[in-house]
Amino acid sequence: MTTETKEPLFRDIDGDEGENVNTIESLCMSCEENGTTRLLLTRIPFFKEIILMSFECPHCGFTNNEVQSAGRIQEKGSTITLSVSSPKDLNRQVVKSDAASFTIPELEFESPAFSQKGELNTIEGLLERAITGLEEHQPVRKIVDPVLAAKIDEIVSQLKKCHDGKMNFTLILDDVSGNSFIENPHAPKDDPCMTLVQYMRSTEQDASLGLQSASEDATEENTAEKEDEDKDNKVTDEVLNFPTNCSSCNAPAETRMKVVAIPHFKEVIIMATSCDACGDKTNEVKSGSGIEPKGCRLTLKITDPEDLNRDVLKSETCEVQIPSLDFVTHAGTLGGRFTTLEGLLTNIKEQLQSVNPFGFGDSPALFNSQMKTFLTGIDKIISGEELGVEIILDDPAGNSYIQNLYAPDPDPELEVFHYQRSKEQDDELGISDMKTEGYEEDEKS
């Protein structure tokens, strides 16, 4: 019996891609004879997965090359706002997907989404490309529509001032797919000049990405609602399996889901994915009981290496803070995790090393130095060498947990503080617009 060896769909560029090229026969759009298309699924380091396509027709000699994005669409869209106030900001690296638009409010200028292919560039490069695009047909416009041409000349003039560092401006990168980034030279610390806001996509935005609309999802959920009710009593005791794709190499994989009761806490839903192709393993945790009436801040002081073995539940709404390293991860950065404290710290380290597209490589010396200092500090905590460090889990939804080794008695090393959420936190959780009473009467009327 032979065992089939599975390999990742998308592999890093290594200079020896010949054996990974797929060849298929396809129709030539020039002479309508059959030609040959060659496909290469690969991954650009620090960028994303792409599909390289090359077509050649032996009958008429027609050739064509094309690049398509194969990156995964994130659960939420993102809006990155950067205040550009110095020439150094113009050198920040940018990953801009084809689903991203960029706007400069001061100039009332916008480069629409899906108008350009995805690119890896700098702020200066984005402006230069915008200027080139606007100037391309100006000679014709000046003859056909002089008024419009004059307005475009004015915008180009302002863009050139921004490009040359003679004008401060705000750059807004809005990506409904959530796959765009702007370099943070202060990482792992927050960037005082940049803000990141994640949002749920609208039905129209889902449609623009080719995703199923929310209304269709709701219809399917309503159809299956009765079946789900019948299965509710069985879910706790069984593991549900369903097909998915690996978040690392995009190969077909299997996700397992189970409801787990955490002692002295609540029920949570754990989803684990294991990929046979690349070996990647991930898990995600979601609360099984909704949002708590109050937010919760958990502060653990590590006084013994054994503290690193404590179970930790970090929900997707939770913020992780390490004051001694001046480090904060915003909600949603790592998703939901059910692991140990050591595992959570390792996840943070791996996130900075692999997911951040501007973490290493040719980054400026200061940036590399800051990153190395942080990684050295977190390595000391993980190894148990650095004691007395505080780890803070701040969850406005109240769905995060750190194991109490003295339960049911209070833990002297663990402080649990419940607080009233602010209006901004309620808005972010979607509570402000949530109606739980009288909605049936509204529907009837």
Protein backbone atom coordinates (compact mmCIF):
# COMPACT_ATOMS: atom_id res chain seq x y z
CA MET A 1 0.00 0.00 0.00
CA THR A 2 1.50 3.31 -1.06
CA THR A 3 1.00 6.52 0.90
CA GLU A 4 0.30 9.66 -1.10
CA THR A 5 2.62 12.52 -0.17
CA LYS A 6 0.75 15.81 0.06
CA GLU A 7 2.57 19.06 -0.64
CA PRO A 8 1.58 22.72 -0.21
CA LEU A 9 -0.31 24.29 -3.11
CA PHE A 10 1.73 27.51 -2.84
CA ARG A 11 5.48 27.21 -2.31
CA ASP A 12 8.09 29.87 -1.64
CA ILE A 13 10.17 30.99 -4.62
CA ASP A 14 13.41 28.97 -4.47
CA GLY A 15 14.82 29.20 -7.99
CA ASP A 16 13.80 25.65 -8.92
CA GLU A 17 10.13 25.91 -9.86
CA GLY A 18 10.26 23.81 -13.06
CA GLU A 19 8.79 20.67 -11.51
CA ASN A 20 5.96 22.64 -9.89
CA VAL A 21 4.62 24.10 -13.15
CA ASN A 22 1.24 22.77 -14.31
CA THR A 23 0.67 22.62 -18.09
CA ILE A 24 -2.81 22.60 -19.62
CA GLU A 25 -4.14 22.84 -23.16
CA SER A 26 -6.25 25.95 -23.76
CA LEU A 27 -7.83 27.96 -26.58
CA CYS A 28 -5.84 30.74 -28.24
CA MET A 29 -7.96 33.92 -28.32
CA SER A 30 -6.07 35.13 -31.41
CA CYS A 31 -6.36 32.26 -33.93
CA GLU A 32 -8.79 30.01 -32.00
CA GLU A 33 -6.42 27.04 -32.22
CA ASN A 34 -5.23 25.17 -29.14
CA GLY A 35 -2.21 26.54 -27.32
CA THR A 36 -0.49 25.82 -24.00
CA THR A 37 -0.97 27.55 -20.66
CA ARG A 38 1.55 27.04 -17.90
CA LEU A 39 0.54 27.73 -14.29
CA LEU A 40 2.82 28.27 -11.31
CA LEU A 41 1.35 28.64 -7.81
CA THR A 42 3.95 30.35 -5.68
CA ARG A 43 4.39 32.67 -2.73
CA ILE A 44 6.37 35.93 -2.68
CA PRO A 45 8.18 36.26 0.68
CA PHE A 46 6.68 38.99 2.93
CA PHE A 47 3.84 39.49 0.42
CA LYS A 48 1.25 36.90 -0.60
CA GLU A 49 0.35 33.91 -2.75
CA ILE A 50 0.10 34.50 -6.51
CA ILE A 51 -0.68 32.53 -9.64
CA LEU A 52 1.69 33.05 -12.58
CA MET A 53 0.15 32.21 -15.94
CA SER A 54 1.98 32.02 -19.26
CA PHE A 55 0.21 31.23 -22.54
CA GLU A 56 1.87 30.38 -25.86
CA CYS A 57 0.29 29.43 -29.19
CA PRO A 58 2.51 27.42 -31.60
CA HIS A 59 0.16 28.17 -34.53
CA CYS A 60 0.15 31.99 -34.61
CA GLY A 61 2.92 32.78 -32.14
CA PHE A 62 0.64 34.69 -29.75
CA THR A 63 1.93 34.87 -26.17
CA ASN A 64 0.48 36.32 -22.99
CA ASN A 65 1.63 36.52 -19.37
CA GLU A 66 -0.60 37.31 -16.38
CA VAL A 67 -0.36 37.44 -12.60
CA GLN A 68 -3.37 36.82 -10.37
CA SER A 69 -3.65 37.16 -6.62
CA ALA A 70 -4.45 33.99 -4.68
CA GLY A 71 -4.34 35.49 -1.22
CA ARG A 72 -7.01 34.54 1.30
CA ILE A 73 -9.72 37.05 2.09
CA GLN A 74 -9.68 37.96 5.79
CA GLU A 75 -12.78 37.77 7.99
CA LYS A 76 -12.89 41.57 8.27
CA GLY A 77 -11.97 44.50 6.09
CA SER A 78 -9.43 47.05 7.33
CA THR A 79 -8.88 50.80 7.15
CA ILE A 80 -5.35 52.07 7.78
CA THR A 81 -4.96 55.82 8.35
CA LEU A 82 -1.44 57.29 8.25
CA SER A 83 -0.47 60.89 8.94
CA VAL A 84 2.47 61.64 6.61
CA SER A 85 4.49 64.48 8.09
CA SER A 86 8.12 63.78 7.17
CA PRO A 87 10.19 62.48 4.21
CA LYS A 88 10.85 59.29 6.21
CA ASP A 89 7.14 58.47 6.08
CA LEU A 90 7.32 58.46 2.27
CA ASN A 91 9.76 55.53 2.46
CA ARG A 92 7.36 53.32 4.42
CA GLN A 93 6.68 50.06 2.60
CA VAL A 94 3.12 49.31 1.57
CA VAL A 95 1.35 46.11 0.56
CA LYS A 96 -1.71 47.23 -1.41
CA SER A 97 -4.05 44.51 -2.64
CA ASP A 98 -6.17 44.95 -5.76
CA ALA A 99 -9.24 45.28 -3.48
CA ALA A 100 -7.79 48.34 -1.71
CA SER A 101 -8.46 52.00 -2.37
CA PHE A 102 -6.25 54.82 -1.14
CA THR A 103 -7.50 58.30 -0.36
CA ILE A 104 -5.93 61.67 0.45
CA PRO A 105 -8.75 63.69 2.09
CA GLU A 106 -6.87 67.03 1.94
CA LEU A 107 -6.81 66.80 -1.86
CA GLU A 108 -10.20 65.07 -2.22
CA PHE A 109 -8.28 62.44 -4.18
CA GLU A 110 -9.14 58.74 -4.34
CA SER A 111 -7.67 55.80 -6.22
CA PRO A 112 -10.63 53.36 -6.38
CA ALA A 113 -10.47 49.70 -5.43
CA PHE A 114 -10.06 47.13 -8.24
CA SER A 115 -8.68 49.84 -10.57
CA GLN A 116 -5.10 48.54 -10.24
CA LYS A 117 -3.37 45.22 -9.61
CA GLY A 118 -1.99 44.45 -6.17
CA GLU A 119 1.51 45.73 -5.51
CA LEU A 120 4.36 45.93 -3.04
CA ASN A 121 5.48 49.56 -3.00
CA THR A 122 6.27 52.58 -0.82
CA ILE A 123 4.14 55.63 -0.02
CA GLU A 124 6.30 57.59 -2.47
CA GLY A 125 5.77 54.89 -5.09
CA LEU A 126 1.97 54.99 -4.66
CA LEU A 127 1.97 58.75 -5.22
CA GLU A 128 4.29 58.45 -8.21
CA ARG A 129 2.03 55.85 -9.79
CA ALA A 130 -1.04 58.04 -9.20
CA ILE A 131 0.69 61.04 -10.78
CA THR A 132 1.75 59.00 -13.82
CA GLY A 133 -1.79 57.67 -14.25
CA LEU A 134 -3.35 61.13 -14.15
CA GLU A 135 -0.80 62.66 -16.54
CA GLU A 136 -1.05 59.85 -19.08
CA HIS A 137 -3.98 61.24 -21.13
CA GLN A 138 -3.65 64.91 -20.27
CA PRO A 139 -2.65 66.04 -23.82
CA VAL A 140 -5.90 64.59 -25.19
CA ARG A 141 -7.99 65.98 -22.31
CA LYS A 142 -6.65 69.49 -22.87
CA ILE A 143 -8.15 69.37 -26.36
CA VAL A 144 -11.38 67.48 -25.62
CA ASP A 145 -12.19 68.85 -22.13
CA PRO A 146 -9.95 71.78 -21.11
CA VAL A 147 -11.88 72.40 -17.87
CA LEU A 148 -11.39 68.82 -16.63
CA ALA A 149 -7.74 68.88 -17.72
CA ALA A 150 -7.14 72.06 -15.68
CA LYS A 151 -8.63 70.46 -12.56
CA ILE A 152 -6.47 67.36 -13.01
CA ASP A 153 -3.38 69.56 -13.45
CA GLU A 154 -4.19 71.17 -10.11
CA ILE A 155 -4.51 67.79 -8.37
CA VAL A 156 -1.27 66.57 -9.99
CA SER A 157 0.49 69.69 -8.73
CA GLN A 158 -0.67 68.98 -5.16
CA LEU A 159 0.27 65.29 -5.44
CA LYS A 160 3.77 66.27 -6.53
CA LYS A 161 4.12 68.45 -3.42
CA CYS A 162 3.14 65.43 -1.32
CA HIS A 163 5.54 63.24 -3.33
CA ASP A 164 8.44 65.69 -2.79
CA GLY A 165 7.79 65.99 0.96
CA LYS A 166 6.71 69.64 0.71
CA MET A 167 3.20 69.04 2.03
CA ASN A 168 1.84 67.09 5.00
CA PHE A 169 -1.14 64.88 4.23
CA THR A 170 -3.26 61.96 5.43
CA LEU A 171 -3.22 58.65 3.58
CA ILE A 172 -6.19 56.30 4.07
CA LEU A 173 -5.77 52.73 2.79
CA ASP A 174 -9.16 51.00 2.83
CA ASP A 175 -9.12 47.29 1.92
CA VAL A 176 -12.35 45.27 2.03
CA SER A 177 -10.31 42.05 1.79
CA GLY A 178 -8.15 42.97 4.83
CA ASN A 179 -4.92 42.06 3.00
CA SER A 180 -3.18 45.46 2.85
CA PHE A 181 -0.47 46.73 5.19
CA ILE A 182 1.60 49.85 5.87
CA GLU A 183 4.98 49.48 7.55
CA ASN A 184 5.19 50.34 11.24
CA PRO A 185 8.80 51.46 11.91
CA HIS A 186 8.09 51.49 15.66
CA ALA A 187 7.07 47.80 15.83
CA PRO A 188 6.43 46.01 18.11
CA LYS A 189 5.18 49.26 19.71
CA ASP A 190 2.16 51.16 18.43
CA ASP A 191 2.72 53.73 15.69
CA PRO A 192 1.62 57.18 16.93
CA CYS A 193 1.04 58.31 13.34
CA MET A 194 -1.01 55.32 12.20
CA THR A 195 -4.33 53.78 13.20
CA LEU A 196 -5.88 50.47 12.12
CA VAL A 197 -9.63 49.85 12.21
CA GLN A 198 -11.16 46.50 11.28
CA TYR A 199 -14.79 46.32 10.21
CA MET A 200 -17.45 43.86 9.10
CA ARG A 201 -18.08 44.02 5.37
CA SER A 202 -21.43 45.08 3.96
CA THR A 203 -23.41 42.90 1.56
CA GLU A 204 -22.20 45.01 -1.36
CA GLN A 205 -18.56 44.68 -0.27
CA ASP A 206 -18.92 40.90 0.05
CA ALA A 207 -20.38 40.81 -3.45
CA SER A 208 -17.44 42.83 -4.83
CA LEU A 209 -15.10 40.13 -3.50
CA GLY A 210 -17.25 37.33 -4.91
CA LEU A 211 -18.35 36.20 -1.47
CA GLN A 212 -21.79 34.98 -0.51
CA SER A 213 -23.98 37.85 0.67
CA ALA A 214 -25.17 38.15 4.24
CA SER A 215 -28.79 37.72 3.14
CA GLU A 216 -27.97 34.40 1.49
CA ASP A 217 -26.14 33.31 4.63
CA ALA A 218 -29.18 34.26 6.71
CA THR A 219 -31.47 32.25 4.43
CA GLU A 220 -29.28 29.16 4.77
CA GLU A 221 -29.07 29.62 8.53
CA ASN A 222 -32.85 29.86 8.82
CA THR A 223 -33.27 26.73 6.68
CA ALA A 224 -30.87 24.77 8.88
CA GLU A 225 -32.04 26.28 12.18
CA LYS A 226 -34.39 23.44 13.08
CA GLU A 227 -31.75 20.81 12.32
CA ASP A 228 -29.27 22.68 14.51
CA GLU A 229 -31.73 22.76 17.40
CA ASP A 230 -32.10 18.99 17.21
CA LYS A 231 -28.34 18.56 17.31
CA ASP A 232 -27.64 21.00 20.16
CA ASN A 233 -27.72 18.30 22.81
CA LYS A 234 -25.29 16.13 20.84
CA VAL A 235 -22.65 18.73 19.92
CA THR A 236 -21.09 18.88 23.36
CA ASP A 237 -20.17 15.21 23.21
CA GLU A 238 -19.03 14.91 19.61
CA VAL A 239 -16.35 16.38 17.38
CA LEU A 240 -17.63 17.88 14.15
CA ASN A 241 -15.42 17.71 11.05
CA PHE A 242 -15.74 19.90 7.97
CA PRO A 243 -13.49 20.66 4.97
CA THR A 244 -11.59 23.94 4.74
CA ASN A 245 -8.35 25.36 3.35
CA CYS A 246 -5.02 25.71 5.13
CA SER A 247 -4.35 29.32 6.18
CA SER A 248 -0.65 28.84 5.39
CA CYS A 249 -0.44 27.02 2.03
CA ASN A 250 -4.15 27.08 0.97
CA ALA A 251 -4.20 23.31 0.44
CA PRO A 252 -7.41 21.37 1.30
CA ALA A 253 -7.47 20.55 5.01
CA GLU A 254 -9.90 19.44 7.70
CA THR A 255 -11.15 21.50 10.65
CA ARG A 256 -12.44 19.84 13.82
CA MET A 257 -14.89 21.63 16.12
CA LYS A 258 -15.96 20.79 19.65
CA VAL A 259 -17.72 22.49 22.57
CA VAL A 260 -15.53 22.39 25.71
CA ALA A 261 -16.49 23.39 29.25
CA ILE A 262 -13.65 25.22 31.04
CA PRO A 263 -13.76 24.58 34.82
CA HIS A 264 -14.81 27.62 36.88
CA PHE A 265 -15.46 29.58 33.67
CA LYS A 266 -17.84 28.78 30.79
CA GLU A 267 -18.35 26.78 27.61
CA VAL A 268 -16.27 27.66 24.55
CA ILE A 269 -16.16 26.40 20.98
CA ILE A 270 -12.71 25.19 19.88
CA MET A 271 -11.86 24.78 16.19
CA ALA A 272 -8.57 23.12 15.24
CA THR A 273 -7.13 22.77 11.75
CA SER A 274 -4.25 20.49 10.76
CA CYS A 275 -2.73 20.54 7.27
CA ASP A 276 -1.17 17.33 5.95
CA ALA A 277 0.47 19.23 3.09
CA CYS A 278 2.64 21.76 4.95
CA GLY A 279 2.23 20.55 8.55
CA ASP A 280 0.71 23.82 9.75
CA LYS A 281 -1.55 23.53 12.81
CA THR A 282 -3.87 26.26 14.06
CA ASN A 283 -6.67 26.56 16.59
CA GLU A 284 -9.35 29.15 17.12
CA VAL A 285 -11.67 29.71 20.05
CA LYS A 286 -15.06 31.41 20.20
CA SER A 287 -17.24 32.00 23.22
CA GLY A 288 -20.31 29.82 23.49
CA SER A 289 -22.24 32.23 25.72
CA GLY A 290 -22.21 35.66 24.06
CA ILE A 291 -20.96 38.95 25.51
CA GLU A 292 -20.74 39.38 29.27
CA PRO A 293 -22.47 42.34 31.04
CA LYS A 294 -19.05 43.82 31.93
CA GLY A 295 -15.56 43.82 30.51
CA CYS A 296 -12.75 41.96 32.28
CA ARG A 297 -9.07 42.75 32.82
CA LEU A 298 -6.87 39.84 33.95
CA THR A 299 -3.42 40.65 35.34
CA LEU A 300 -1.05 37.75 36.01
CA LYS A 301 2.34 38.23 37.66
CA ILE A 302 4.78 35.49 36.65
CA THR A 303 6.60 34.47 39.83
CA ASP A 304 7.49 30.90 38.89
CA PRO A 305 8.26 29.09 35.60
CA GLU A 306 5.24 26.88 36.34
CA ASP A 307 3.02 29.90 35.65
CA LEU A 308 3.86 29.47 31.97
CA ASN A 309 1.87 26.20 32.02
CA ARG A 310 -1.38 27.90 33.07
CA ASP A 311 -4.28 27.45 30.64
CA VAL A 312 -5.20 30.67 28.85
CA LEU A 313 -8.28 31.52 26.83
CA LYS A 314 -7.81 34.63 24.70
CA SER A 315 -10.95 35.63 22.83
CA GLU A 316 -10.82 37.47 19.50
CA THR A 317 -11.93 40.68 21.27
CA CYS A 318 -9.08 40.53 23.81
CA GLU A 319 -6.05 42.82 23.96
CA VAL A 320 -2.74 41.42 25.29
CA GLN A 321 -0.34 43.73 27.12
CA ILE A 322 3.21 43.19 28.37
CA PRO A 323 4.07 46.44 30.21
CA SER A 324 7.74 45.56 30.82
CA LEU A 325 8.29 45.28 27.04
CA ASP A 326 5.97 48.22 26.26
CA PHE A 327 3.97 45.85 24.06
CA VAL A 328 0.28 45.77 23.14
CA THR A 329 -1.59 43.57 20.66
CA HIS A 330 -4.91 44.99 19.57
CA ALA A 331 -8.11 42.97 19.56
CA GLY A 332 -8.35 40.57 16.63
CA THR A 333 -4.60 40.40 16.01
CA LEU A 334 -4.17 36.78 17.07
CA GLY A 335 -7.81 35.70 16.86
CA GLY A 336 -9.26 33.44 19.56
CA ARG A 337 -6.78 31.09 21.27
CA PHE A 338 -7.07 28.34 23.87
CA THR A 339 -3.54 27.46 24.88
CA THR A 340 -1.06 27.86 27.72
CA LEU A 341 0.60 31.12 28.71
CA GLU A 342 3.81 29.84 27.10
CA GLY A 343 1.84 29.00 23.95
CA LEU A 344 0.28 32.47 23.84
CA LEU A 345 3.67 34.18 24.14
CA THR A 346 5.05 31.90 21.44
CA ASN A 347 2.09 32.80 19.20
CA ILE A 348 2.89 36.51 19.67
CA LYS A 349 6.53 35.91 18.78
CA GLU A 350 5.68 33.88 15.68
CA GLN A 351 3.12 36.49 14.62
CA LEU A 352 5.79 39.18 14.60
CA GLN A 353 8.30 36.98 12.79
CA SER A 354 6.09 35.59 10.05
CA VAL A 355 2.83 37.48 9.60
CA ASN A 356 4.21 41.02 9.78
CA PRO A 357 5.42 41.57 6.18
CA PHE A 358 7.93 44.21 7.21
CA GLY A 359 9.40 42.57 10.27
CA PHE A 360 12.88 41.76 9.10
CA GLY A 361 14.97 41.54 5.94
CA ASP A 362 16.08 44.93 4.62
CA SER A 363 14.24 46.94 7.29
CA PRO A 364 16.11 49.94 8.77
CA ALA A 365 18.71 49.23 11.45
CA LEU A 366 16.67 50.97 14.17
CA PHE A 367 13.61 48.89 13.34
CA ASN A 368 15.62 45.65 13.38
CA SER A 369 17.19 46.68 16.70
CA GLN A 370 13.78 47.34 18.29
CA MET A 371 12.45 44.03 17.04
CA LYS A 372 15.48 42.07 18.25
CA THR A 373 15.24 43.72 21.68
CA PHE A 374 11.60 42.72 21.98
CA LEU A 375 12.19 39.15 20.77
CA THR A 376 15.08 38.75 23.23
CA GLY A 377 12.82 39.97 26.04
CA ILE A 378 9.94 37.64 25.16
CA ASP A 379 12.36 34.70 24.80
CA LYS A 380 13.52 35.31 28.39
CA ILE A 381 9.92 35.23 29.60
CA ILE A 382 9.14 32.03 27.65
CA SER A 383 12.23 30.29 29.02
CA GLY A 384 11.34 31.27 32.61
CA GLU A 385 14.52 33.33 32.93
CA GLU A 386 12.63 36.61 33.43
CA LEU A 387 10.32 36.53 36.50
CA GLY A 388 8.16 39.24 38.02
CA VAL A 389 6.73 40.12 34.60
CA GLU A 390 3.06 41.06 34.31
CA ILE A 391 0.84 39.74 31.51
CA ILE A 392 -2.47 41.57 31.04
CA LEU A 393 -5.50 40.28 29.13
CA ASP A 394 -8.02 43.09 28.66
CA ASP A 395 -11.27 41.83 27.12
CA PRO A 396 -14.24 44.23 26.86
CA ALA A 397 -16.48 41.25 26.00
CA GLY A 398 -15.45 39.45 29.22
CA ASN A 399 -14.75 36.17 27.42
CA SER A 400 -11.07 35.65 28.26
CA TYR A 401 -9.63 33.51 31.03
CA ILE A 402 -6.38 32.65 32.84
CA GLN A 403 -6.33 29.47 34.91
CA ASN A 404 -6.57 29.98 38.66
CA LEU A 405 -4.22 27.44 40.22
CA TYR A 406 -5.88 27.93 43.63
CA ALA A 407 -9.51 27.59 42.46
CA PRO A 408 -12.04 27.94 43.93
CA ASP A 409 -9.99 30.17 46.28
CA PRO A 410 -8.53 33.48 45.03
CA ASP A 411 -5.17 33.32 43.24
CA PRO A 412 -2.59 35.66 44.85
CA GLU A 413 -0.75 36.04 41.53
CA LEU A 414 -3.88 36.71 39.44
CA GLU A 415 -5.93 39.89 39.64
CA VAL A 416 -9.40 39.84 38.06
CA PHE A 417 -11.04 43.24 37.53
CA HIS A 418 -14.51 43.69 36.03
CA TYR A 419 -15.34 47.10 34.57
CA GLN A 420 -18.12 48.96 32.83
CA ARG A 421 -17.46 49.24 29.09
CA SER A 422 -17.12 52.63 27.45
CA LYS A 423 -19.46 53.73 24.64
CA GLU A 424 -16.63 53.26 22.14
CA GLN A 425 -16.14 49.65 23.29
CA ASP A 426 -19.89 48.98 23.01
CA ASP A 427 -19.79 50.39 19.47
CA GLU A 428 -16.87 48.14 18.53
CA LEU A 429 -18.70 45.08 19.89
CA GLY A 430 -21.89 46.06 18.06
CA ILE A 431 -23.86 46.33 21.30
CA SER A 432 -24.98 49.93 20.84
CA ASP A 433 -27.11 49.05 17.79
CA MET A 434 -28.35 45.75 19.20
CA LYS A 435 -32.08 45.56 19.99
CA THR A 436 -33.19 42.74 22.27
CA GLU A 437 -36.72 43.89 23.14
CA GLY A 438 -39.75 44.76 21.04
CA TYR A 439 -38.26 43.61 17.73
CA GLU A 440 -41.16 41.23 17.08
CA GLU A 441 -43.64 44.13 17.23
CA ASP A 442 -41.43 46.15 14.85
CA GLU A 443 -41.42 43.31 12.33
CA LYS A 444 -45.22 42.95 12.45
CA SER A 445 -45.74 46.69 11.99
